[in-house]
C-alpha atoms as a PDB file:
ATOM      1  CA  GLN A   1     123.237 124.499  99.829  1.00  0.00           C
ATOM      2  CA  GLN A   2     124.995 121.634 101.538  1.00  0.00           C
ATOM      3  CA  SER A   3     124.523 117.953 102.112  1.00  0.00           C
ATOM      4  CA  TYR A   4     123.403 117.053 105.635  1.00  0.00           C
ATOM      5  CA  THR A   5     122.674 114.197 108.005  1.00  0.00           C
ATOM      6  CA  GLN A   6     119.057 113.753 109.066  1.00  0.00           C
ATOM      7  CA  GLN A   7     118.800 112.374 112.600  1.00  0.00           C
ATOM      8  CA  LEU A   8     115.680 110.429 113.558  1.00  0.00           C
ATOM      9  CA  PRO A   9     114.565 111.689 116.989  1.00  0.00           C
ATOM     10  CA  GLY A  10     114.473 109.055 119.707  1.00  0.00           C
ATOM     11  CA  THR A  11     116.573 106.587 117.707  1.00  0.00           C
ATOM     12  CA  ALA A  12     120.198 105.920 116.861  1.00  0.00           C
ATOM     13  CA  GLU A  13     119.384 106.007 113.139  1.00  0.00           C
ATOM     14  CA  SER A  14     120.205 108.768 110.666  1.00  0.00           C
ATOM     15  CA  LEU A  15     119.993 109.406 106.953  1.00  0.00           C
ATOM     16  CA  SER A  16     122.734 111.015 104.856  1.00  0.00           C
ATOM     17  CA  MET A  17     121.239 113.438 102.308  1.00  0.00           C
ATOM     18  CA  ILE A  18     123.279 114.633  99.294  1.00  0.00           C
ATOM     19  CA  PHE A  19     122.473 118.007  97.727  1.00  0.00           C
ATOM     20  CA  ILE A  20     121.636 117.747  94.023  1.00  0.00           C
ATOM     21  CA  PRO A  21     121.878 121.139  92.270  1.00  0.00           C
ATOM     22  CA  GLY A  22     119.084 121.973  89.853  1.00  0.00           C
ATOM     23  CA  GLY A  23     119.814 121.971  86.150  1.00  0.00           C
ATOM     24  CA  THR A  24     118.826 120.883  82.670  1.00  0.00           C
ATOM     25  CA  PHE A  25     119.678 117.523  81.136  1.00  0.00           C
ATOM     26  CA  VAL A  26     118.769 115.253  78.258  1.00  0.00           C
ATOM     27  CA  MET A  27     116.503 112.483  79.562  1.00  0.00           C
ATOM     28  CA  GLY A  28     116.274 109.116  77.862  1.00  0.00           C
ATOM     29  CA  SER A  29     118.722 107.031  75.861  1.00  0.00           C
ATOM     30  CA  ALA A  30     120.327 107.902  72.553  1.00  0.00           C
ATOM     31  CA  ALA A  31     118.903 105.958  69.616  1.00  0.00           C
ATOM     32  CA  SER A  32     122.481 104.763  69.070  1.00  0.00           C
ATOM     33  CA  GLU A  33     122.883 103.451  72.655  1.00  0.00           C
ATOM     34  CA  LYS A  34     123.611  99.740  72.563  1.00  0.00           C
ATOM     35  CA  GLY A  35     120.882  97.619  74.144  1.00  0.00           C
ATOM     36  CA  HIS A  36     118.396 100.422  74.774  1.00  0.00           C
ATOM     37  CA  PHE A  37     114.655  99.692  74.823  1.00  0.00           C
ATOM     38  CA  ASP A  38     111.857 101.461  72.943  1.00  0.00           C
ATOM     39  CA  ASP A  39     110.472 103.092  76.099  1.00  0.00           C
ATOM     40  CA  GLU A  40     113.727 105.058  76.583  1.00  0.00           C
ATOM     41  CA  VAL A  41     113.350 107.153  73.412  1.00  0.00           C
ATOM     42  CA  PRO A  42     113.072 109.809  72.131  1.00  0.00           C
ATOM     43  CA  GLN A  43     115.539 111.813  74.176  1.00  0.00           C
ATOM     44  CA  HIS A  44     114.149 115.133  75.406  1.00  0.00           C
ATOM     45  CA  GLN A  45     115.318 118.101  77.443  1.00  0.00           C
ATOM     46  CA  VAL A  46     114.221 118.285  81.084  1.00  0.00           C
ATOM     47  CA  SER A  47     114.799 120.934  83.762  1.00  0.00           C
ATOM     48  CA  ILE A  48     115.004 119.801  87.376  1.00  0.00           C
ATOM     49  CA  ALA A  49     114.644 121.955  90.494  1.00  0.00           C
ATOM     50  CA  PRO A  50     117.256 121.460  93.284  1.00  0.00           C
ATOM     51  CA  PHE A  51     116.706 118.701  95.862  1.00  0.00           C
ATOM     52  CA  TRP A  52     118.485 116.443  98.308  1.00  0.00           C
ATOM     53  CA  MET A  53     118.665 112.698  97.700  1.00  0.00           C
ATOM     54  CA  ALA A  54     119.526 109.927 100.135  1.00  0.00           C
ATOM     55  CA  GLU A  55     123.131 108.816  99.711  1.00  0.00           C
ATOM     56  CA  PHE A  56     122.017 105.193 100.106  1.00  0.00           C
ATOM     57  CA  GLU A  57     118.931 103.100  99.525  1.00  0.00           C
ATOM     58  CA  ILE A  58     116.644 102.859 102.567  1.00  0.00           C
ATOM     59  CA  SER A  59     117.903 100.120 104.880  1.00  0.00           C
ATOM     60  CA  TRP A  60     115.954  97.481 106.784  1.00  0.00           C
ATOM     61  CA  ASP A  61     117.216  99.225 109.936  1.00  0.00           C
ATOM     62  CA  LEU A  62     115.206 102.340 109.004  1.00  0.00           C
ATOM     63  CA  TYR A  63     112.266 100.542 107.433  1.00  0.00           C
ATOM     64  CA  THR A  64     111.794  98.324 110.476  1.00  0.00           C
ATOM     65  CA  LEU A  65     111.526 101.419 112.689  1.00  0.00           C
ATOM     66  CA  TYR A  66     108.674 102.566 110.481  1.00  0.00           C
ATOM     67  CA  MET A  67     106.970  99.163 110.599  1.00  0.00           C
ATOM     68  CA  GLU A  68     107.292  98.631 114.328  1.00  0.00           C
ATOM     69  CA  ARG A  69     106.472 102.183 115.404  1.00  0.00           C
ATOM     70  CA  THR A  70     107.884 101.607 118.882  1.00  0.00           C
ATOM     71  CA  ILE A  71     109.435 105.072 119.061  1.00  0.00           C
ATOM     72  CA  ASP A  72     106.449 107.381 118.621  1.00  0.00           C
ATOM     73  CA  THR A  73     106.347 108.185 122.331  1.00  0.00           C
ATOM     74  CA  TYR A  74     109.630 110.084 121.976  1.00  0.00           C
ATOM     75  CA  GLN A  75     108.266 112.642 119.558  1.00  0.00           C
ATOM     76  CA  LYS A  76     107.718 116.250 120.493  1.00  0.00           C
ATOM     77  CA  GLU A  77     104.931 118.260 118.924  1.00  0.00           C
ATOM     78  CA  GLY A  78     105.824 119.881 115.618  1.00  0.00           C
ATOM     79  CA  THR A  79     106.779 123.526 115.550  1.00  0.00           C
ATOM     80  CA  PRO A  80     105.422 126.059 113.036  1.00  0.00           C
ATOM     81  CA  ALA A  81     108.923 126.506 111.592  1.00  0.00           C
ATOM     82  CA  GLN A  82     108.964 122.935 110.330  1.00  0.00           C
ATOM     83  CA  GLU A  83     108.219 122.031 106.726  1.00  0.00           C
ATOM     84  CA  VAL A  84     105.843 119.326 107.895  1.00  0.00           C
ATOM     85  CA  ASN A  85     103.645 119.403 110.977  1.00  0.00           C
ATOM     86  CA  LEU A  86     102.091 115.966 111.249  1.00  0.00           C
ATOM     87  CA  ASP A  87     101.177 113.688 114.113  1.00  0.00           C
ATOM     88  CA  VAL A  88     103.393 110.625 113.726  1.00  0.00           C
ATOM     89  CA  ASP A  89     100.622 108.388 115.083  1.00  0.00           C
ATOM     90  CA  ALA A  90      98.296 109.523 112.290  1.00  0.00           C
ATOM     91  CA  VAL A  91     100.499 108.002 109.575  1.00  0.00           C
ATOM     92  CA  SER A  92      99.403 104.517 108.591  1.00  0.00           C
ATOM     93  CA  SER A  93     102.053 101.866 108.997  1.00  0.00           C
ATOM     94  CA  ALA A  94     102.987  98.836 106.935  1.00  0.00           C
ATOM     95  CA  THR A  95     101.629  95.584 108.289  1.00  0.00           C
ATOM     96  CA  THR A  96     104.211  93.140 109.605  1.00  0.00           C
ATOM     97  CA  PRO A  97     104.666  90.565 106.830  1.00  0.00           C
ATOM     98  CA  TYR A  98     103.685  86.955 107.476  1.00  0.00           C
ATOM     99  CA  LEU A  99     106.983  85.708 106.050  1.00  0.00           C
ATOM    100  CA  ASP A 100     110.581  86.936 106.088  1.00  0.00           C
ATOM    101  CA  LEU A 101     110.622  89.281 103.130  1.00  0.00           C
ATOM    102  CA  SER A 102     114.388  89.708 103.304  1.00  0.00           C
ATOM    103  CA  PHE A 103     114.491  86.013 102.306  1.00  0.00           C
ATOM    104  CA  GLY A 104     117.414  85.497 104.658  1.00  0.00           C
ATOM    105  CA  MET A 105     119.697  87.784 102.630  1.00  0.00           C
ATOM    106  CA  GLY A 106     120.442  89.995 105.645  1.00  0.00           C
ATOM    107  CA  THR A 107     118.878  93.016 107.351  1.00  0.00           C
ATOM    108  CA  ASP A 108     121.551  94.910 109.298  1.00  0.00           C
ATOM    109  CA  GLY A 109     122.864  97.505 106.831  1.00  0.00           C
ATOM    110  CA  TYR A 110     121.107  95.904 103.866  1.00  0.00           C
ATOM    111  CA  PRO A 111     118.458  97.523 101.645  1.00  0.00           C
ATOM    112  CA  ALA A 112     114.787  97.009 102.519  1.00  0.00           C
ATOM    113  CA  ILE A 113     112.913  95.217  99.724  1.00  0.00           C
ATOM    114  CA  ASN A 114     109.530  93.897  98.611  1.00  0.00           C
ATOM    115  CA  MET A 115     107.500  96.935  99.685  1.00  0.00           C
ATOM    116  CA  THR A 116     104.850  98.407  97.375  1.00  0.00           C
ATOM    117  CA  GLN A 117     105.158 101.930  96.016  1.00  0.00           C
ATOM    118  CA  HIS A 118     102.313 102.878  98.398  1.00  0.00           C
ATOM    119  CA  ALA A 119     104.284 101.547 101.379  1.00  0.00           C
ATOM    120  CA  ALA A 120     107.431 103.402 100.276  1.00  0.00           C
ATOM    121  CA  SER A 121     105.394 106.628 100.027  1.00  0.00           C
ATOM    122  CA  LYS A 122     103.929 106.075 103.490  1.00  0.00           C
ATOM    123  CA  PHE A 123     107.456 105.601 104.830  1.00  0.00           C
ATOM    124  CA  CYS A 124     108.216 109.049 103.384  1.00  0.00           C
ATOM    125  CA  GLU A 125     105.179 110.476 105.190  1.00  0.00           C
ATOM    126  CA  TRP A 126     106.312 108.872 108.460  1.00  0.00           C
ATOM    127  CA  LEU A 127     109.873 110.162 107.987  1.00  0.00           C
ATOM    128  CA  SER A 128     108.458 113.639 107.341  1.00  0.00           C
ATOM    129  CA  ALA A 129     106.331 113.487 110.492  1.00  0.00           C
ATOM    130  CA  MET A 130     109.293 112.239 112.529  1.00  0.00           C
ATOM    131  CA  THR A 131     111.710 114.923 111.370  1.00  0.00           C
ATOM    132  CA  GLY A 132     109.615 117.940 110.374  1.00  0.00           C
ATOM    133  CA  ASN A 133     111.249 117.934 106.913  1.00  0.00           C
ATOM    134  CA  PHE A 134     109.309 117.025 103.762  1.00  0.00           C
ATOM    135  CA  TYR A 135     110.396 113.723 102.190  1.00  0.00           C
ATOM    136  CA  ARG A 136     108.956 111.829  99.234  1.00  0.00           C
ATOM    137  CA  LEU A 137     109.953 109.402  96.501  1.00  0.00           C
ATOM    138  CA  PRO A 138     111.888 110.908  93.578  1.00  0.00           C
ATOM    139  CA  THR A 139     110.153 111.478  90.270  1.00  0.00           C
ATOM    140  CA  GLU A 140     111.476 109.345  87.437  1.00  0.00           C
ATOM    141  CA  ALA A 141     113.094 112.467  85.945  1.00  0.00           C
ATOM    142  CA  GLU A 142     114.771 113.429  89.245  1.00  0.00           C
ATOM    143  CA  TRP A 143     116.028 109.871  89.603  1.00  0.00           C
ATOM    144  CA  GLU A 144     117.620 109.771  86.151  1.00  0.00           C
ATOM    145  CA  TYR A 145     119.081 113.268  86.574  1.00  0.00           C
ATOM    146  CA  ALA A 146     120.723 112.210  89.852  1.00  0.00           C
ATOM    147  CA  CYS A 147     121.891 108.879  88.435  1.00  0.00           C
ATOM    148  CA  ARG A 148     123.512 110.484  85.404  1.00  0.00           C
ATOM    149  CA  ALA A 149     125.150 113.112  87.626  1.00  0.00           C
ATOM    150  CA  GLY A 150     126.103 115.266  84.664  1.00  0.00           C
ATOM    151  CA  THR A 151     127.109 112.371  82.396  1.00  0.00           C
ATOM    152  CA  THR A 152     125.567 111.513  79.023  1.00  0.00           C
ATOM    153  CA  THR A 153     126.911 107.964  78.746  1.00  0.00           C
ATOM    154  CA  ALA A 154     124.986 104.691  79.163  1.00  0.00           C
ATOM    155  CA  TYR A 155     126.222 104.411  82.762  1.00  0.00           C
ATOM    156  CA  SER A 156     127.418 107.180  85.071  1.00  0.00           C
ATOM    157  CA  PHE A 157     130.994 105.918  84.571  1.00  0.00           C
ATOM    158  CA  GLY A 158     131.053 105.290  80.807  1.00  0.00           C
ATOM    159  CA  ASP A 159     129.381 103.704  77.801  1.00  0.00           C
ATOM    160  CA  THR A 160     130.367 100.080  78.349  1.00  0.00           C
ATOM    161  CA  ALA A 161     129.718  97.710  81.234  1.00  0.00           C
ATOM    162  CA  ASP A 162     133.421  96.790  81.484  1.00  0.00           C
ATOM    163  CA  ASN A 163     133.802  98.509  84.881  1.00  0.00           C
ATOM    164  CA  LEU A 164     130.281  97.803  86.142  1.00  0.00           C
ATOM    165  CA  SER A 165     131.532  95.517  88.927  1.00  0.00           C
ATOM    166  CA  GLU A 166     133.324  98.478  90.520  1.00  0.00           C
ATOM    167  CA  TYR A 167     130.038 100.395  90.832  1.00  0.00           C
ATOM    168  CA  ALA A 168     127.244  97.862  91.085  1.00  0.00           C
ATOM    169  CA  TRP A 169     125.904  94.538  92.269  1.00  0.00           C
ATOM    170  CA  PHE A 170     124.212  92.774  89.362  1.00  0.00           C
ATOM    171  CA  GLU A 171     123.585  89.312  87.942  1.00  0.00           C
ATOM    172  CA  ASP A 172     127.251  88.496  87.273  1.00  0.00           C
ATOM    173  CA  ASN A 173     128.747  89.419  90.667  1.00  0.00           C
ATOM    174  CA  SER A 174     125.943  89.421  93.255  1.00  0.00           C
ATOM    175  CA  ASN A 175     126.007  85.710  94.081  1.00  0.00           C
ATOM    176  CA  ALA A 176     122.188  85.756  93.787  1.00  0.00           C
ATOM    177  CA  ALA A 177     121.583  88.185  96.669  1.00  0.00           C
ATOM    178  CA  TYR A 178     121.555  91.869  97.503  1.00  0.00           C
ATOM    179  CA  HIS A 179     124.508  93.336  99.411  1.00  0.00           C
ATOM    180  CA  LYS A 180     125.213  95.830 102.187  1.00  0.00           C
ATOM    181  CA  LEU A 181     124.690  99.439 101.211  1.00  0.00           C
ATOM    182  CA  GLY A 182     127.591 101.495  99.875  1.00  0.00           C
ATOM    183  CA  GLN A 183     130.090  98.712  99.166  1.00  0.00           C
ATOM    184  CA  LYS A 184     130.776  99.847  95.599  1.00  0.00           C
ATOM    185  CA  LYS A 185     132.027 103.150  94.153  1.00  0.00           C
ATOM    186  CA  PRO A 186     129.553 106.074  94.151  1.00  0.00           C
ATOM    187  CA  ASN A 187     128.525 108.038  91.075  1.00  0.00           C
ATOM    188  CA  PRO A 188     130.089 111.495  90.402  1.00  0.00           C
ATOM    189  CA  TRP A 189     127.612 113.178  92.767  1.00  0.00           C
ATOM    190  CA  GLY A 190     128.364 110.815  95.646  1.00  0.00           C
ATOM    191  CA  LEU A 191     125.292 108.561  95.420  1.00  0.00           C
ATOM    192  CA  TYR A 192     125.827 104.845  96.028  1.00  0.00           C
ATOM    193  CA  ASP A 193     124.099 101.873  94.370  1.00  0.00           C
ATOM    194  CA  MET A 194     122.213 103.944  91.784  1.00  0.00           C
ATOM    195  CA  HIS A 195     123.193 101.184  89.385  1.00  0.00           C
ATOM    196  CA  GLY A 196     122.140  97.795  90.750  1.00  0.00           C
ATOM    197  CA  ASN A 197     121.849  96.270  94.242  1.00  0.00           C
ATOM    198  CA  VAL A 198     118.103  96.949  94.385  1.00  0.00           C
ATOM    199  CA  ALA A 199     115.937  98.694  91.797  1.00  0.00           C
ATOM    200  CA  GLU A 200     114.230 101.796  93.194  1.00  0.00           C
ATOM    201  CA  TRP A 201     110.671 103.074  93.261  1.00  0.00           C
ATOM    202  CA  THR A 202     109.879 106.453  91.741  1.00  0.00           C
ATOM    203  CA  LEU A 203     106.652 108.479  91.981  1.00  0.00           C
ATOM    204  CA  ASP A 204     105.653 107.938  88.366  1.00  0.00           C
ATOM    205  CA  GLY A 205     103.136 105.722  86.704  1.00  0.00           C
ATOM    206  CA  TYR A 206     104.740 103.751  83.862  1.00  0.00           C
ATOM    207  CA  ASP A 207     103.786 104.435  80.262  1.00  0.00           C
ATOM    208  CA  MET A 208     105.864 103.134  77.368  1.00  0.00           C
ATOM    209  CA  THR A 209     104.969 106.214  75.331  1.00  0.00           C
ATOM    210  CA  THR A 210     105.668 108.916  77.958  1.00  0.00           C
ATOM    211  CA  TYR A 211     108.748 110.299  76.237  1.00  0.00           C
ATOM    212  CA  GLY A 212     107.067 110.583  72.847  1.00  0.00           C
ATOM    213  CA  LYS A 213     104.378 112.767  74.427  1.00  0.00           C
ATOM    214  CA  ARG A 214     106.889 115.310  75.733  1.00  0.00           C
ATOM    215  CA  LYS A 215     106.838 117.525  72.681  1.00  0.00           C
ATOM    216  CA  LYS A 216     107.939 120.730  74.402  1.00  0.00           C
ATOM    217  CA  LYS A 217     111.458 121.956  73.848  1.00  0.00           C
ATOM    218  CA  ASN A 218     111.990 121.946  77.588  1.00  0.00           C
ATOM    219  CA  ASN A 219     110.023 120.051  80.231  1.00  0.00           C
ATOM    220  CA  ASP A 220     110.009 121.430  83.784  1.00  0.00           C
ATOM    221  CA  ASN A 221     110.087 118.817  86.568  1.00  0.00           C
ATOM    222  CA  PRO A 222     107.896 116.360  84.641  1.00  0.00           C
ATOM    223  CA  TYR A 223     106.214 113.405  86.244  1.00  0.00           C
ATOM    224  CA  LEU A 224     103.361 111.107  85.335  1.00  0.00           C
ATOM    225  CA  SER A 225     100.893 110.891  88.208  1.00  0.00           C
ATOM    226  CA  PRO A 226      99.811 107.229  88.569  1.00  0.00           C
ATOM    227  CA  THR A 227      96.184 106.497  87.673  1.00  0.00           C
ATOM    228  CA  GLN A 228      96.291 102.743  88.305  1.00  0.00           C
ATOM    229  CA  THR A 229      98.123 100.353  90.610  1.00  0.00           C
ATOM    230  CA  TYR A 230     100.185  98.762  87.812  1.00  0.00           C
ATOM    231  CA  PRO A 231     102.534  99.499  86.222  1.00  0.00           C
ATOM    232  CA  ARG A 232     104.592 102.088  88.114  1.00  0.00           C
ATOM    233  CA  VAL A 233     108.195 103.011  87.440  1.00  0.00           C
ATOM    234  CA  VAL A 234     111.211 101.445  89.114  1.00  0.00           C
ATOM    235  CA  ARG A 235     114.727 102.460  88.115  1.00  0.00           C
ATOM    236  CA  GLY A 236     118.342 101.393  88.379  1.00  0.00           C
ATOM    237  CA  GLY A 237     118.216  97.635  87.905  1.00  0.00           C
ATOM    238  CA  SER A 238     119.132  95.138  90.614  1.00  0.00           C
ATOM    239  CA  TRP A 239     121.307  92.287  91.821  1.00  0.00           C
ATOM    240  CA  MET A 240     119.217  89.945  89.638  1.00  0.00           C
ATOM    241  CA  ASP A 241     119.619  91.877  86.389  1.00  0.00           C
ATOM    242  CA  PRO A 242     121.985  91.741  83.402  1.00  0.00           C
ATOM    243  CA  PRO A 243     124.112  94.873  82.794  1.00  0.00           C
ATOM    244  CA  GLY A 244     121.742  96.435  80.246  1.00  0.00           C
ATOM    245  CA  ARG A 245     119.017  96.797  82.877  1.00  0.00           C
ATOM    246  CA  LEU A 246     121.347  98.930  85.020  1.00  0.00           C
ATOM    247  CA  ARG A 247     121.902 101.668  82.424  1.00  0.00           C
ATOM    248  CA  SER A 248     121.046 105.229  83.528  1.00  0.00           C
ATOM    249  CA  GLY A 249     118.160 105.441  81.060  1.00  0.00           C
ATOM    250  CA  ALA A 250     116.697 101.957  81.614  1.00  0.00           C
ATOM    251  CA  ARG A 251     113.043 101.913  82.769  1.00  0.00           C
ATOM    252  CA  ARG A 252     110.872  99.177  84.237  1.00  0.00           C
ATOM    253  CA  GLY A 253     107.180  98.980  85.103  1.00  0.00           C
ATOM    254  CA  SER A 254     105.891  97.123  88.162  1.00  0.00           C
ATOM    255  CA  SER A 255     103.744  94.032  87.635  1.00  0.00           C
ATOM    256  CA  LYS A 256     100.954  92.035  89.305  1.00  0.00           C
ATOM    257  CA  LYS A 257     103.351  89.084  89.168  1.00  0.00           C
ATOM    258  CA  TRP A 258     105.251  90.723  92.031  1.00  0.00           C
ATOM    259  CA  LYS A 259     102.422  89.514  94.312  1.00  0.00           C
ATOM    260  CA  GLN A 260     102.190  85.997  92.904  1.00  0.00           C
ATOM    261  CA  ARG A 261     102.617  84.216  96.242  1.00  0.00           C
ATOM    262  CA  ASP A 262     100.468  86.608  98.288  1.00  0.00           C
ATOM    263  CA  PRO A 263      97.638  84.403  99.700  1.00  0.00           C
ATOM    264  CA  GLN A 264      95.613  87.376 100.956  1.00  0.00           C
ATOM    265  CA  ILE A 265      92.361  88.502  99.369  1.00  0.00           C
ATOM    266  CA  PRO A 266      92.550  91.332  98.538  1.00  0.00           C
ATOM    267  CA  LYS A 267      96.304  91.330  97.970  1.00  0.00           C
ATOM    268  CA  SER A 268      98.438  93.331 100.408  1.00  0.00           C
ATOM    269  CA  LEU A 269      98.552  97.101  99.959  1.00  0.00           C
ATOM    270  CA  TRP A 270     101.955  97.086 101.653  1.00  0.00           C
ATOM    271  CA  TRP A 271     104.010  94.153 100.401  1.00  0.00           C
ATOM    272  CA  HIS A 272     105.051  92.319  97.271  1.00  0.00           C
ATOM    273  CA  THR A 273     105.942  88.685  97.877  1.00  0.00           C
ATOM    274  CA  ASP A 274     107.912  88.330  94.665  1.00  0.00           C
ATOM    275  CA  ALA A 275     109.938  91.537  94.297  1.00  0.00           C
ATOM    276  CA  PRO A 276     113.129  90.843  96.284  1.00  0.00           C
ATOM    277  CA  PHE A 277     114.889  93.148  93.834  1.00  0.00           C
ATOM    278  CA  VAL A 278     112.906  96.347  94.589  1.00  0.00           C
ATOM    279  CA  GLY A 279     113.650  98.973  97.255  1.00  0.00           C
ATOM    280  CA  PHE A 280     113.773 102.774  97.262  1.00  0.00           C
ATOM    281  CA  ARG A 281     115.536 105.932  98.378  1.00  0.00           C
ATOM    282  CA  VAL A 282     114.023 109.275  99.376  1.00  0.00           C
ATOM    283  CA  VAL A 283     114.375 112.883  98.249  1.00  0.00           C
ATOM    284  CA  ARG A 284     113.647 116.259  99.841  1.00  0.00           C
ATOM    285  CA  PRO A 285     112.938 119.144  97.430  1.00  0.00           C
ATOM    286  CA  LEU A 286     114.649 122.447  98.187  1.00  0.00           C
ATOM    287  CA  GLU A 287     111.281 124.173  97.837  1.00  0.00           C
ATOM    288  CA  THR A 288     108.720 122.649 100.199  1.00  0.00           C
ATOM    289  CA  PRO A 289     105.211 122.213  98.769  1.00  0.00           C
ATOM    290  CA  LYS A 290     102.172 123.393 100.734  1.00  0.00           C
ATOM    291  CA  ALA A 291     100.552 120.929 103.166  1.00  0.00           C
ATOM    292  CA  ALA A 292      97.740 119.904 100.793  1.00  0.00           C
ATOM    293  CA  GLU A 293     100.218 119.128  98.028  1.00  0.00           C
ATOM    294  CA  GLN A 294     102.480 117.184 100.395  1.00  0.00           C
ATOM    295  CA  LYS A 295      99.666 114.712 101.056  1.00  0.00           C
ATOM    296  CA  LYS A 296      99.270 114.073  97.333  1.00  0.00           C
ATOM    297  CA  TYR A 297     102.785 112.613  97.150  1.00  0.00           C
ATOM    298  CA  TRP A 298     102.126 110.182 100.010  1.00  0.00           C
ATOM    299  CA  ASN A 299      98.721 108.846  99.006  1.00  0.00           C
ATOM    300  CA  TYR A 300      98.896 106.958  95.730  1.00  0.00           C
ATOM    301  CA  ASN A 301      97.370 103.569  96.565  1.00  0.00           C
END
C-alpha cells in the first residue's frame, strides 16, 4: 500500500495521507521512564491493523470548509464502488462560533482548535461523504502506535527532551501560540507535529485504569468506547505544555473546564471555549467497516 493525496471535490484543498503498516507494539510507558504518569502503566502488547493517517493536523482551511458548507452543490452522487455513500447535506455541521476561536493566532495553514470530540467526528463523517472514503478519528492505540513509529523511547526521537525543539512546538519555544503545520521535523514514519503544536482527539473515552484491565497477552485494535461526555482522550501534548506532556505515552482526559466561558445553556455540542490547545487528525483504516459500523464512529455525542 502507498501513501496518497485525498482531493476534496469542488475545492482547492487536499489531505496528505501516510500509510501506516499494521504491526504489534508495546503500548504505554516503561515504569522506569522519567516523568511518566500512573495512567501510562502497565505496558502491554497491542496489535494494530494497517491504516492511513493524515500527515498533518487538520487545518482551519479544511475545517472552515466543513463549517461553512458552501461547496455541497459541487458534489456528485456517490457510486456503489465507494467505501462511503452518504449525502453530504445529511451530515450535521458545526455551528459558527460566536467568537474567534483561533484567538488571533492565525488560520491560513494553522491547525484548527477548540472543537469538541463530537465535532471532530462529524468532520470525519463530512470528509467521508465528500470523498467516498471512510475517515474517522484514530483510536488511542492507533495514535500511540503511529507516534512511536517503531520506537520504544519516551519520544519518537529519543529518551530525553534535549532535541524536542527540532520536532515540536511546546511551552519553551512556542511563544504562547500554535504554529503553522509541518514546520518541525517529522517522526520516522513521516508524520508531523505528533509531539506538540496541538494535542489531538482520539476516539477513546478516558479511564485511568484502562491499561491495568488489559490482561490479555495480546490486545487486537483495542479502544474504549466513550460512555460519557467527559473525560475523553487527547494525545500528543501542545504548544502550552512542558516536555513531559509531549511524550509518546502521555495521556490526557478532556474536562468540563474546557467550556468555562461558554455562555450557552446547554453548553455547545460543537465547541470548547477554553481548549486552544486541542485539535485532531484523521485516519482511514485499510479495511472499511460496514455502513452501520461507520456511523458508530461518527456519533459519540
